[in-house]
Amino acid sequence: MYGSPRIHAELKERGLRCGSKRIARLMRERGLCAKVKRRRVVTTDSCHSDPVAPNLLHQEFTASEPDKKWLTDITAVWTAEGWLSPFGHHRCVLAARGGLVHGSAT
């Protein structure tokens, strides 16, 4: 759906005489309004120079026994000041016996 300025221009181009305020009023009375095109927001930065940790799991998510492999998403954390992104872009933390390893999410 187009807004009143565009409809007015189209009618004028076709040789029909009418005022832009009349078109706006008629559209408003009938509950017609322009459909706003939403912009796509880019949220991922794949071209960064940050170091990438080694993929320790190699897509093998099954463990030989319980409590061997843990994976969690820590993209953002809620704080009193709002959402905090600890790494600036999407990261995951892999916890295994012997330590904590930061890695990129795939």
N, C-alpha and C. Protein backbone atom coordinates (compact mmCIF):
# COMPACT_ATOMS: atom_id res chain seq x y z
N MET A 1 0.84 -1.17 0.00
CA MET A 1 0.00 0.00 0.00
C MET A 1 0.89 1.24 0.00
N TYR A 2 0.56 2.17 -0.83
CA TYR A 2 1.33 3.41 -0.94
C TYR A 2 0.73 4.50 -0.05
N GLY A 3 1.53 5.48 0.29
CA GLY A 3 1.06 6.62 1.06
C GLY A 3 0.41 7.66 0.17
N SER A 4 -0.20 8.67 0.79
CA SER A 4 -0.95 9.67 0.03
C SER A 4 -0.08 10.47 -0.94
N PRO A 5 1.17 10.82 -0.63
CA PRO A 5 1.97 11.57 -1.62
C PRO A 5 2.20 10.77 -2.91
N ARG A 6 2.45 9.49 -2.76
CA ARG A 6 2.71 8.67 -3.95
C ARG A 6 1.44 8.45 -4.76
N ILE A 7 0.32 8.26 -4.06
CA ILE A 7 -0.96 8.09 -4.77
C ILE A 7 -1.33 9.39 -5.47
N HIS A 8 -1.11 10.53 -4.80
CA HIS A 8 -1.38 11.83 -5.42
C HIS A 8 -0.56 12.01 -6.69
N ALA A 9 0.73 11.69 -6.62
CA ALA A 9 1.60 11.82 -7.79
C ALA A 9 1.14 10.92 -8.93
N GLU A 10 0.72 9.70 -8.60
CA GLU A 10 0.26 8.76 -9.62
C GLU A 10 -1.03 9.27 -10.30
N LEU A 11 -1.97 9.76 -9.50
CA LEU A 11 -3.22 10.28 -10.06
C LEU A 11 -2.96 11.52 -10.92
N LYS A 12 -2.04 12.37 -10.46
CA LYS A 12 -1.69 13.57 -11.23
C LYS A 12 -1.06 13.19 -12.56
N GLU A 13 -0.20 12.16 -12.53
CA GLU A 13 0.45 11.67 -13.75
C GLU A 13 -0.57 11.12 -14.74
N ARG A 14 -1.64 10.53 -14.22
CA ARG A 14 -2.69 9.97 -15.09
C ARG A 14 -3.70 11.04 -15.54
N GLY A 15 -3.49 12.27 -15.12
CA GLY A 15 -4.36 13.36 -15.57
C GLY A 15 -5.57 13.59 -14.70
N LEU A 16 -5.68 12.95 -13.55
CA LEU A 16 -6.80 13.16 -12.64
C LEU A 16 -6.47 14.29 -11.68
N ARG A 17 -7.39 15.23 -11.53
CA ARG A 17 -7.16 16.38 -10.65
C ARG A 17 -7.76 16.12 -9.28
N CYS A 18 -6.94 16.21 -8.27
CA CYS A 18 -7.40 16.11 -6.89
C CYS A 18 -6.28 16.61 -5.99
N GLY A 19 -6.65 17.09 -4.83
CA GLY A 19 -5.67 17.64 -3.91
C GLY A 19 -5.01 16.56 -3.06
N SER A 20 -3.78 16.81 -2.67
CA SER A 20 -3.06 15.84 -1.85
C SER A 20 -3.70 15.72 -0.46
N LYS A 21 -4.23 16.84 0.06
CA LYS A 21 -4.88 16.80 1.37
C LYS A 21 -6.17 15.99 1.31
N ARG A 22 -6.87 16.05 0.18
CA ARG A 22 -8.11 15.27 0.02
C ARG A 22 -7.78 13.78 0.04
N ILE A 23 -6.72 13.39 -0.68
CA ILE A 23 -6.32 11.98 -0.72
C ILE A 23 -5.92 11.51 0.68
N ALA A 24 -5.16 12.34 1.39
CA ALA A 24 -4.74 11.99 2.76
C ALA A 24 -5.96 11.84 3.66
N ARG A 25 -6.94 12.76 3.54
CA ARG A 25 -8.14 12.68 4.37
C ARG A 25 -8.96 11.44 4.05
N LEU A 26 -9.14 11.13 2.76
CA LEU A 26 -9.90 9.94 2.38
C LEU A 26 -9.23 8.66 2.87
N MET A 27 -7.92 8.62 2.76
CA MET A 27 -7.19 7.44 3.25
C MET A 27 -7.34 7.31 4.76
N ARG A 28 -7.22 8.44 5.47
CA ARG A 28 -7.33 8.42 6.92
C ARG A 28 -8.73 7.97 7.36
N GLU A 29 -9.78 8.46 6.69
CA GLU A 29 -11.15 8.10 7.02
C GLU A 29 -11.41 6.60 6.83
N ARG A 30 -10.70 5.99 5.88
CA ARG A 30 -10.91 4.57 5.58
C ARG A 30 -9.88 3.68 6.28
N GLY A 31 -9.03 4.30 7.09
CA GLY A 31 -8.04 3.52 7.83
C GLY A 31 -6.92 2.99 6.97
N LEU A 32 -6.64 3.65 5.84
CA LEU A 32 -5.58 3.21 4.94
C LEU A 32 -4.30 3.97 5.24
N CYS A 33 -3.19 3.27 5.26
CA CYS A 33 -1.91 3.92 5.46
C CYS A 33 -0.84 3.14 4.71
N ALA A 34 0.28 3.81 4.50
CA ALA A 34 1.37 3.19 3.76
C ALA A 34 1.97 2.03 4.53
N LYS A 35 2.37 1.01 3.82
CA LYS A 35 3.07 -0.11 4.43
C LYS A 35 4.55 0.24 4.49
N VAL A 36 5.09 0.29 5.71
CA VAL A 36 6.48 0.69 5.90
C VAL A 36 7.38 -0.50 5.67
N LYS A 37 8.37 -0.31 4.81
CA LYS A 37 9.34 -1.37 4.55
C LYS A 37 10.34 -1.41 5.70
N ARG A 38 10.45 -2.56 6.33
CA ARG A 38 11.36 -2.71 7.46
C ARG A 38 12.77 -2.98 6.94
N ARG A 39 13.73 -2.31 7.58
CA ARG A 39 15.11 -2.53 7.20
C ARG A 39 15.67 -3.74 7.93
N ARG A 40 16.49 -4.49 7.25
CA ARG A 40 17.12 -5.66 7.85
C ARG A 40 18.32 -5.18 8.66
N VAL A 41 18.35 -5.58 9.92
CA VAL A 41 19.44 -5.18 10.81
C VAL A 41 20.49 -6.28 10.82
N VAL A 42 21.72 -5.93 10.50
CA VAL A 42 22.82 -6.89 10.51
C VAL A 42 23.33 -7.02 11.93
N THR A 43 23.34 -8.23 12.46
CA THR A 43 23.76 -8.44 13.85
C THR A 43 25.03 -9.26 13.98
N THR A 44 25.52 -9.81 12.90
CA THR A 44 26.70 -10.67 12.96
C THR A 44 27.85 -10.06 12.18
N ASP A 45 29.02 -10.06 12.77
CA ASP A 45 30.22 -9.58 12.10
C ASP A 45 31.13 -10.78 11.85
N SER A 46 31.03 -11.35 10.65
CA SER A 46 31.83 -12.54 10.33
C SER A 46 33.23 -12.18 9.88
N CYS A 47 33.43 -10.94 9.48
CA CYS A 47 34.75 -10.51 8.99
C CYS A 47 35.46 -9.73 10.09
N HIS A 48 35.95 -10.42 11.08
CA HIS A 48 36.65 -9.78 12.18
C HIS A 48 38.06 -10.34 12.28
N SER A 49 38.89 -9.60 12.99
CA SER A 49 40.28 -10.03 13.13
C SER A 49 40.54 -10.66 14.49
N ASP A 50 39.46 -10.91 15.26
CA ASP A 50 39.63 -11.53 16.57
C ASP A 50 40.12 -12.97 16.42
N PRO A 51 40.96 -13.43 17.34
CA PRO A 51 41.41 -14.81 17.26
C PRO A 51 40.26 -15.79 17.51
N VAL A 52 40.28 -16.89 16.81
CA VAL A 52 39.25 -17.91 16.94
C VAL A 52 39.87 -19.11 17.65
N ALA A 53 39.22 -19.56 18.72
CA ALA A 53 39.73 -20.70 19.48
C ALA A 53 39.56 -21.99 18.68
N PRO A 54 40.36 -23.00 18.95
CA PRO A 54 40.25 -24.27 18.23
C PRO A 54 38.93 -24.97 18.53
N ASN A 55 38.41 -25.69 17.56
CA ASN A 55 37.17 -26.45 17.72
C ASN A 55 37.50 -27.77 18.41
N LEU A 56 37.33 -27.83 19.71
CA LEU A 56 37.70 -29.01 20.47
C LEU A 56 36.70 -30.16 20.32
N LEU A 57 35.46 -29.83 19.98
CA LEU A 57 34.45 -30.89 19.86
C LEU A 57 34.39 -31.50 18.46
N HIS A 58 34.78 -30.75 17.44
CA HIS A 58 34.72 -31.23 16.05
C HIS A 58 33.35 -31.83 15.73
N GLN A 59 32.29 -31.12 16.16
CA GLN A 59 30.89 -31.51 15.93
C GLN A 59 30.53 -32.85 16.56
N GLU A 60 31.33 -33.35 17.47
CA GLU A 60 31.04 -34.59 18.19
C GLU A 60 30.49 -34.21 19.56
N PHE A 61 29.15 -34.17 19.68
CA PHE A 61 28.52 -33.70 20.90
C PHE A 61 28.17 -34.80 21.89
N THR A 62 28.36 -36.04 21.51
CA THR A 62 28.09 -37.14 22.45
C THR A 62 29.34 -37.38 23.28
N ALA A 63 29.13 -37.62 24.57
CA ALA A 63 30.25 -37.83 25.48
C ALA A 63 30.33 -39.31 25.88
N SER A 64 31.54 -39.76 26.20
CA SER A 64 31.75 -41.15 26.60
C SER A 64 31.11 -41.44 27.95
N GLU A 65 30.99 -40.42 28.79
CA GLU A 65 30.35 -40.57 30.09
C GLU A 65 29.80 -39.21 30.51
N PRO A 66 28.89 -39.19 31.48
CA PRO A 66 28.29 -37.92 31.90
C PRO A 66 29.33 -36.94 32.45
N ASP A 67 29.04 -35.67 32.32
CA ASP A 67 29.85 -34.59 32.87
C ASP A 67 31.20 -34.41 32.17
N LYS A 68 31.31 -34.84 30.92
CA LYS A 68 32.57 -34.69 30.18
C LYS A 68 32.56 -33.45 29.29
N LYS A 69 31.40 -33.16 28.65
CA LYS A 69 31.31 -32.03 27.73
C LYS A 69 30.12 -31.17 28.11
N TRP A 70 30.38 -29.87 28.27
CA TRP A 70 29.33 -28.92 28.55
C TRP A 70 29.43 -27.80 27.51
N LEU A 71 28.30 -27.30 27.07
CA LEU A 71 28.30 -26.20 26.12
C LEU A 71 27.16 -25.26 26.48
N THR A 72 27.44 -23.97 26.49
CA THR A 72 26.40 -22.99 26.79
C THR A 72 26.60 -21.76 25.92
N ASP A 73 25.51 -21.06 25.67
CA ASP A 73 25.54 -19.84 24.87
C ASP A 73 25.58 -18.66 25.83
N ILE A 74 26.59 -17.83 25.74
CA ILE A 74 26.67 -16.64 26.58
C ILE A 74 26.78 -15.40 25.70
N THR A 75 25.89 -15.30 24.72
CA THR A 75 25.91 -14.17 23.80
C THR A 75 25.77 -12.85 24.53
N ALA A 76 24.83 -12.77 25.48
CA ALA A 76 24.60 -11.54 26.21
C ALA A 76 24.11 -11.86 27.61
N VAL A 77 24.39 -10.95 28.53
CA VAL A 77 24.01 -11.11 29.92
C VAL A 77 23.26 -9.85 30.34
N TRP A 78 22.11 -10.00 31.03
CA TRP A 78 21.35 -8.86 31.51
C TRP A 78 22.02 -8.29 32.76
N THR A 79 22.23 -6.98 32.77
CA THR A 79 22.79 -6.29 33.93
C THR A 79 21.87 -5.13 34.30
N ALA A 80 22.17 -4.45 35.38
CA ALA A 80 21.37 -3.30 35.80
C ALA A 80 21.43 -2.17 34.77
N GLU A 81 22.49 -2.13 33.96
CA GLU A 81 22.65 -1.09 32.94
C GLU A 81 22.11 -1.53 31.59
N GLY A 82 21.56 -2.73 31.48
CA GLY A 82 21.05 -3.23 30.21
C GLY A 82 21.79 -4.48 29.78
N TRP A 83 21.61 -4.87 28.52
CA TRP A 83 22.25 -6.08 28.00
C TRP A 83 23.74 -5.83 27.78
N LEU A 84 24.54 -6.77 28.20
CA LEU A 84 25.99 -6.69 28.04
C LEU A 84 26.44 -7.86 27.19
N SER A 85 27.15 -7.55 26.11
CA SER A 85 27.70 -8.60 25.26
C SER A 85 29.18 -8.74 25.61
N PRO A 86 29.57 -9.81 26.30
CA PRO A 86 30.94 -9.90 26.81
C PRO A 86 32.01 -9.99 25.74
N PHE A 87 31.67 -10.44 24.54
CA PHE A 87 32.70 -10.63 23.52
C PHE A 87 32.51 -9.73 22.30
N GLY A 88 31.40 -9.02 22.22
CA GLY A 88 31.17 -8.17 21.08
C GLY A 88 30.50 -8.89 19.93
N HIS A 89 30.61 -10.19 19.87
CA HIS A 89 29.91 -10.99 18.88
C HIS A 89 29.66 -12.38 19.47
N HIS A 90 28.94 -13.22 18.75
CA HIS A 90 28.47 -14.50 19.29
C HIS A 90 29.63 -15.43 19.64
N ARG A 91 29.69 -15.84 20.89
CA ARG A 91 30.70 -16.78 21.35
C ARG A 91 30.06 -17.83 22.24
N CYS A 92 30.71 -18.94 22.41
CA CYS A 92 30.26 -19.99 23.32
C CYS A 92 31.39 -20.34 24.27
N VAL A 93 31.05 -20.96 25.35
CA VAL A 93 32.05 -21.42 26.31
C VAL A 93 31.91 -22.92 26.46
N LEU A 94 33.01 -23.62 26.31
CA LEU A 94 33.04 -25.07 26.47
C LEU A 94 33.74 -25.36 27.79
N ALA A 95 33.03 -26.04 28.67
CA ALA A 95 33.61 -26.40 29.96
C ALA A 95 33.86 -27.90 29.98
N ALA A 96 35.06 -28.28 30.23
CA ALA A 96 35.41 -29.70 30.32
C ALA A 96 36.30 -29.87 31.54
N ARG A 97 36.44 -31.08 31.97
CA ARG A 97 37.31 -31.31 33.12
C ARG A 97 38.72 -30.83 32.80
N GLY A 98 39.21 -29.99 33.65
CA GLY A 98 40.57 -29.49 33.44
C GLY A 98 40.58 -28.03 33.01
N GLY A 99 39.44 -27.42 32.76
CA GLY A 99 39.49 -25.99 32.42
C GLY A 99 38.31 -25.52 31.61
N LEU A 100 38.36 -24.25 31.29
CA LEU A 100 37.31 -23.55 30.57
C LEU A 100 37.92 -23.00 29.29
N VAL A 101 37.28 -23.24 28.16
CA VAL A 101 37.81 -22.81 26.87
C VAL A 101 36.77 -21.95 26.18
N HIS A 102 37.17 -20.79 25.68
CA HIS A 102 36.27 -19.91 24.92
C HIS A 102 36.42 -20.27 23.44
N GLY A 103 35.30 -20.33 22.74
CA GLY A 103 35.34 -20.65 21.32
C GLY A 103 34.23 -19.98 20.56
N SER A 104 34.34 -19.94 19.25
CA SER A 104 33.31 -19.37 18.41
C SER A 104 32.19 -20.35 18.20
N ALA A 105 30.97 -19.85 18.15
CA ALA A 105 29.82 -20.71 17.88
C ALA A 105 29.72 -20.94 16.39
N THR A 106 29.28 -22.12 16.01
CA THR A 106 29.12 -22.41 14.58
C THR A 106 27.67 -22.57 14.26
